[in-house]
Amino acid sequence: MAKIKGSYESMIVFSVKNGEEAAQALVAKFKEMIEANAELTAVDEWGKRKLAYDINYESEGYYVVFNFDAKPDFPAELTRVLNITDGVLRSIVIAK
């Protein structure tokens, strides 16, 4: 039986309170994690932008969108890791 893969998109807003370099280090960390567990199809770095409202007293965030194909169990693991990682202000993983 073939492994069934789905197409997913994840948008992540990283904190920039420790500088853009810290945010880019987190981008690299999650890019490596996705590449190790899925087929990364696109990375769209929007960069530093003003938030619609303050999150944890921060008014700016570093936006990144990842598109990837993965087995159905990986998005839940990615969400779990995003939720416990310092420096991640907001994140969402959706099936396309």
Protein backbone atom coordinates (compact mmCIF):
# COMPACT_ATOMS: atom_id res chain seq x y z
CA MET A 1 0.00 0.00 0.00
CA ALA A 2 1.35 3.43 -0.96
CA LYS A 3 1.92 6.14 1.61
CA ILE A 4 -0.80 8.74 1.22
CA LYS A 5 0.45 12.32 1.32
CA GLY A 6 -1.52 15.51 1.66
CA SER A 7 -0.72 19.06 0.68
CA TYR A 8 -0.36 21.51 3.59
CA GLU A 9 0.39 25.16 4.23
CA SER A 10 1.76 26.66 7.42
CA MET A 11 1.92 30.35 8.23
CA ILE A 12 4.11 31.29 11.17
CA VAL A 13 4.66 34.68 12.82
CA PHE A 14 7.96 34.83 14.70
CA SER A 15 8.89 37.34 17.39
CA VAL A 16 11.41 40.03 16.44
CA LYS A 17 12.07 41.27 19.98
CA ASN A 18 15.49 39.52 19.90
CA GLY A 19 16.25 40.81 16.39
CA GLU A 20 15.57 39.56 12.89
CA GLU A 21 18.58 37.23 13.11
CA ALA A 22 16.86 35.26 15.89
CA ALA A 23 13.68 35.05 13.80
CA GLN A 24 15.66 33.84 10.77
CA ALA A 25 17.33 31.18 12.95
CA LEU A 26 13.87 29.89 13.88
CA VAL A 27 12.85 29.95 10.20
CA ALA A 28 15.88 27.77 9.42
CA LYS A 29 15.02 25.41 12.30
CA PHE A 30 11.46 24.84 11.08
CA LYS A 31 12.57 24.59 7.46
CA GLU A 32 14.95 21.77 8.45
CA MET A 33 12.21 20.07 10.47
CA ILE A 34 9.79 20.18 7.54
CA GLU A 35 12.42 18.97 5.07
CA ALA A 36 13.27 16.04 7.38
CA ASN A 37 9.63 14.89 7.63
CA ALA A 38 7.97 16.11 4.43
CA GLU A 39 8.57 17.37 0.92
CA LEU A 40 8.96 21.15 1.13
CA THR A 41 7.46 22.68 -2.03
CA ALA A 42 7.77 26.42 -1.30
CA VAL A 43 8.98 28.91 1.32
CA ASP A 44 7.63 32.46 1.13
CA GLU A 45 9.35 34.82 3.58
CA TRP A 46 7.29 37.98 3.94
CA GLY A 47 9.75 39.43 6.43
CA LYS A 48 9.10 41.90 9.23
CA ARG A 49 5.61 43.40 9.24
CA LYS A 50 3.39 45.34 11.59
CA LEU A 51 0.86 43.16 13.43
CA ALA A 52 -2.85 44.03 13.31
CA TYR A 53 -2.80 44.05 17.11
CA ASP A 54 -0.13 43.63 19.79
CA ILE A 55 0.74 40.05 20.76
CA ASN A 56 2.68 39.71 24.02
CA TYR A 57 3.33 43.49 23.90
CA GLU A 58 4.96 43.19 20.47
CA SER A 59 3.74 45.24 17.51
CA GLU A 60 5.84 43.59 14.78
CA GLY A 61 6.42 40.02 13.66
CA TYR A 62 8.43 38.09 11.07
CA TYR A 63 6.05 36.28 8.70
CA VAL A 64 6.86 33.06 6.83
CA VAL A 65 4.64 30.71 4.79
CA PHE A 66 5.72 27.09 4.20
CA ASN A 67 4.02 24.83 1.63
CA PHE A 68 4.72 21.11 1.92
CA ASP A 69 3.47 17.61 1.14
CA ALA A 70 3.43 15.24 4.11
CA LYS A 71 1.83 12.18 5.63
CA PRO A 72 -1.26 13.04 7.73
CA ASP A 73 0.49 12.61 11.10
CA PHE A 74 3.22 15.25 10.52
CA PRO A 75 1.08 18.44 10.66
CA ALA A 76 -0.06 17.59 14.20
CA GLU A 77 3.57 17.13 15.30
CA LEU A 78 4.58 20.40 13.61
CA THR A 79 1.73 22.21 15.41
CA ARG A 80 2.80 20.70 18.74
CA VAL A 81 6.41 21.87 18.30
CA LEU A 82 5.29 25.34 17.15
CA ASN A 83 3.10 25.71 20.26
CA ILE A 84 5.97 24.98 22.66
CA THR A 85 8.70 26.98 20.89
CA ASP A 86 9.70 30.34 22.36
CA GLY A 87 9.79 33.02 19.68
CA VAL A 88 6.67 31.82 17.82
CA LEU A 89 3.90 34.42 18.25
CA ARG A 90 1.23 32.75 16.10
CA SER A 91 1.05 29.77 13.77
CA ILE A 92 -1.45 27.79 11.76
CA VAL A 93 -1.15 24.62 9.72
CA ILE A 94 -3.91 23.88 7.21
CA ALA A 95 -4.61 21.18 4.65
CA LYS A 96 -4.90 22.64 1.15
